Structure formats: C-alpha cells, structure tokens
Amino acid sequence: MLSGNEKRLKTLETDNIQLHEKRLKTLETDNIQLQNNLAATEHAKSNAEAERDALQDEISNNSAAK
C-alpha cells in the first residue's frame, strides 16, 4: 500500500507525463504547420522566380528585336 507521500509523488509523475504529452502534441502540430508554411513559401518562391525569368526573357527578346 502506498503512503501519502508516495501517492502524491505518483500523482505528480502522472500529471507531469500528461503535461509533456500535451506539449509534445502541440509541438508536433506546430511542426506540421511550419512544414506547410515552408512548402507554401517554396512554391511561391518558385513561381516568382519563373515569372522573373519569363520577364527577363521578354526584355531580352524585345531588346534583341530592336
């Protein structure tokens, strides 16, 4: 049979584990969101670079035609 102190310690350990599990889930969710943000940013960067390259080609072609 557990003493009062042992019961309190067990309760604290359980609470601590639950707190860490909750924090882990939060961090996992944050990580997923950051990965999604990174993917969206990389996609936007790629689109911007493609648009830049197309505009540079257009400028080059217009300059060469003159």
N, C-alpha and C. Protein backbone atom coordinates (compact mmCIF):
# COMPACT_ATOMS: atom_id res chain seq x y z
N MET A 1 0.84 -1.17 0.00
CA MET A 1 0.00 0.00 0.00
C MET A 1 0.89 1.24 0.00
N LEU A 2 0.51 2.25 -0.79
CA LEU A 2 1.30 3.46 -0.92
C LEU A 2 1.02 4.42 0.23
N SER A 3 2.07 5.07 0.68
CA SER A 3 1.91 6.10 1.71
C SER A 3 1.38 7.37 1.05
N GLY A 4 1.02 8.34 1.86
CA GLY A 4 0.51 9.61 1.34
C GLY A 4 1.51 10.29 0.43
N ASN A 5 2.78 10.30 0.83
CA ASN A 5 3.82 10.92 0.01
C ASN A 5 4.01 10.18 -1.30
N GLU A 6 3.94 8.87 -1.26
CA GLU A 6 4.10 8.07 -2.47
C GLU A 6 2.93 8.31 -3.42
N LYS A 7 1.73 8.45 -2.88
CA LYS A 7 0.56 8.73 -3.71
C LYS A 7 0.69 10.10 -4.37
N ARG A 8 1.14 11.10 -3.59
CA ARG A 8 1.33 12.44 -4.15
C ARG A 8 2.40 12.42 -5.24
N LEU A 9 3.48 11.69 -4.98
CA LEU A 9 4.55 11.59 -5.97
C LEU A 9 4.04 10.93 -7.24
N LYS A 10 3.27 9.87 -7.10
CA LYS A 10 2.70 9.17 -8.25
C LYS A 10 1.78 10.10 -9.04
N THR A 11 0.97 10.88 -8.32
CA THR A 11 0.07 11.84 -8.97
C THR A 11 0.87 12.90 -9.72
N LEU A 12 1.92 13.41 -9.09
CA LEU A 12 2.77 14.41 -9.74
C LEU A 12 3.45 13.84 -10.98
N GLU A 13 3.90 12.61 -10.89
CA GLU A 13 4.53 11.97 -12.05
C GLU A 13 3.53 11.82 -13.19
N THR A 14 2.33 11.39 -12.85
CA THR A 14 1.28 11.24 -13.86
C THR A 14 0.94 12.58 -14.49
N ASP A 15 0.78 13.60 -13.66
CA ASP A 15 0.48 14.94 -14.17
C ASP A 15 1.61 15.44 -15.07
N ASN A 16 2.84 15.19 -14.66
CA ASN A 16 4.00 15.61 -15.44
C ASN A 16 4.03 14.92 -16.80
N ILE A 17 3.75 13.64 -16.80
CA ILE A 17 3.71 12.88 -18.06
C ILE A 17 2.62 13.44 -18.97
N GLN A 18 1.44 13.68 -18.42
CA GLN A 18 0.34 14.22 -19.22
C GLN A 18 0.68 15.60 -19.78
N LEU A 19 1.33 16.42 -18.96
CA LEU A 19 1.74 17.74 -19.41
C LEU A 19 2.73 17.64 -20.57
N HIS A 20 3.70 16.74 -20.44
CA HIS A 20 4.69 16.56 -21.50
C HIS A 20 4.05 15.99 -22.77
N GLU A 21 3.10 15.09 -22.61
CA GLU A 21 2.41 14.54 -23.78
C GLU A 21 1.62 15.63 -24.50
N LYS A 22 0.97 16.49 -23.74
CA LYS A 22 0.22 17.60 -24.33
C LYS A 22 1.16 18.55 -25.05
N ARG A 23 2.29 18.85 -24.43
CA ARG A 23 3.28 19.74 -25.04
C ARG A 23 3.84 19.11 -26.32
N LEU A 24 4.07 17.81 -26.29
CA LEU A 24 4.57 17.12 -27.47
C LEU A 24 3.57 17.22 -28.62
N LYS A 25 2.29 17.01 -28.33
CA LYS A 25 1.27 17.12 -29.37
C LYS A 25 1.23 18.53 -29.94
N THR A 26 1.36 19.53 -29.08
CA THR A 26 1.39 20.91 -29.53
C THR A 26 2.59 21.16 -30.44
N LEU A 27 3.75 20.66 -30.04
CA LEU A 27 4.95 20.83 -30.85
C LEU A 27 4.83 20.10 -32.19
N GLU A 28 4.22 18.93 -32.17
CA GLU A 28 4.02 18.19 -33.42
C GLU A 28 3.10 18.97 -34.35
N THR A 29 2.04 19.54 -33.80
CA THR A 29 1.12 20.36 -34.60
C THR A 29 1.83 21.58 -35.15
N ASP A 30 2.62 22.24 -34.31
CA ASP A 30 3.40 23.41 -34.75
C ASP A 30 4.36 23.02 -35.86
N ASN A 31 5.00 21.87 -35.72
CA ASN A 31 5.95 21.41 -36.72
C ASN A 31 5.25 21.18 -38.07
N ILE A 32 4.10 20.57 -38.04
CA ILE A 32 3.34 20.34 -39.27
C ILE A 32 2.98 21.67 -39.92
N GLN A 33 2.53 22.63 -39.11
CA GLN A 33 2.17 23.95 -39.64
C GLN A 33 3.38 24.64 -40.25
N LEU A 34 4.52 24.55 -39.58
CA LEU A 34 5.74 25.15 -40.11
C LEU A 34 6.17 24.49 -41.43
N GLN A 35 6.02 23.17 -41.51
CA GLN A 35 6.36 22.47 -42.75
C GLN A 35 5.43 22.91 -43.88
N ASN A 36 4.15 23.07 -43.57
CA ASN A 36 3.19 23.54 -44.57
C ASN A 36 3.53 24.96 -45.02
N ASN A 37 3.88 25.81 -44.06
CA ASN A 37 4.27 27.19 -44.39
C ASN A 37 5.51 27.21 -45.27
N LEU A 38 6.48 26.36 -44.94
CA LEU A 38 7.71 26.28 -45.73
C LEU A 38 7.40 25.82 -47.15
N ALA A 39 6.57 24.82 -47.29
CA ALA A 39 6.21 24.32 -48.62
C ALA A 39 5.51 25.40 -49.43
N ALA A 40 4.60 26.14 -48.80
CA ALA A 40 3.90 27.22 -49.50
C ALA A 40 4.87 28.32 -49.90
N THR A 41 5.80 28.63 -49.03
CA THR A 41 6.79 29.67 -49.32
C THR A 41 7.70 29.25 -50.46
N GLU A 42 8.13 27.99 -50.44
CA GLU A 42 8.98 27.49 -51.53
C GLU A 42 8.24 27.50 -52.85
N HIS A 43 6.95 27.16 -52.82
CA HIS A 43 6.13 27.18 -54.03
C HIS A 43 6.00 28.61 -54.56
N ALA A 44 5.73 29.56 -53.67
CA ALA A 44 5.62 30.96 -54.07
C ALA A 44 6.95 31.47 -54.62
N LYS A 45 8.05 31.07 -54.01
CA LYS A 45 9.37 31.48 -54.48
C LYS A 45 9.62 30.95 -55.89
N SER A 46 9.27 29.69 -56.09
CA SER A 46 9.46 29.07 -57.40
C SER A 46 8.63 29.79 -58.46
N ASN A 47 7.38 30.12 -58.12
CA ASN A 47 6.53 30.85 -59.06
C ASN A 47 7.10 32.24 -59.36
N ALA A 48 7.58 32.93 -58.33
CA ALA A 48 8.16 34.26 -58.52
C ALA A 48 9.41 34.19 -59.39
N GLU A 49 10.24 33.18 -59.18
CA GLU A 49 11.45 33.02 -59.99
C GLU A 49 11.09 32.73 -61.45
N ALA A 50 10.07 31.90 -61.66
CA ALA A 50 9.64 31.59 -63.03
C ALA A 50 9.10 32.85 -63.71
N GLU A 51 8.34 33.64 -62.98
CA GLU A 51 7.81 34.88 -63.54
C GLU A 51 8.95 35.86 -63.85
N ARG A 52 9.92 35.95 -62.95
CA ARG A 52 11.09 36.80 -63.17
C ARG A 52 11.84 36.37 -64.43
N ASP A 53 12.05 35.06 -64.56
CA ASP A 53 12.78 34.55 -65.71
C ASP A 53 12.02 34.84 -67.01
N ALA A 54 10.71 34.69 -66.98
CA ALA A 54 9.89 34.97 -68.16
C ALA A 54 9.98 36.45 -68.53
N LEU A 55 9.94 37.32 -67.54
CA LEU A 55 10.06 38.75 -67.81
C LEU A 55 11.44 39.10 -68.35
N GLN A 56 12.48 38.46 -67.81
CA GLN A 56 13.83 38.71 -68.31
C GLN A 56 13.96 38.26 -69.76
N ASP A 57 13.36 37.11 -70.09
CA ASP A 57 13.37 36.64 -71.47
C ASP A 57 12.64 37.61 -72.39
N GLU A 58 11.51 38.10 -71.92
CA GLU A 58 10.72 39.05 -72.71
C GLU A 58 11.52 40.33 -72.95
N ILE A 59 12.19 40.82 -71.92
CA ILE A 59 13.02 42.03 -72.06
C ILE A 59 14.16 41.77 -73.04
N SER A 60 14.80 40.62 -72.90
CA SER A 60 15.91 40.27 -73.80
C SER A 60 15.44 40.16 -75.24
N ASN A 61 14.30 39.53 -75.44
CA ASN A 61 13.76 39.37 -76.79
C ASN A 61 13.38 40.72 -77.39
N ASN A 62 12.80 41.60 -76.59
CA ASN A 62 12.42 42.93 -77.08
C ASN A 62 13.66 43.76 -77.40
N SER A 63 14.70 43.63 -76.59
CA SER A 63 15.94 44.37 -76.84
C SER A 63 16.63 43.85 -78.10
N ALA A 64 16.60 42.55 -78.30
CA ALA A 64 17.26 41.95 -79.46
C ALA A 64 16.50 42.29 -80.74
N ALA A 65 15.20 42.49 -80.66
CA ALA A 65 14.38 42.77 -81.83
C ALA A 65 14.57 44.20 -82.31
N LYS A 66 15.09 45.07 -81.48
CA LYS A 66 15.23 46.48 -81.87
C LYS A 66 16.43 46.73 -82.71
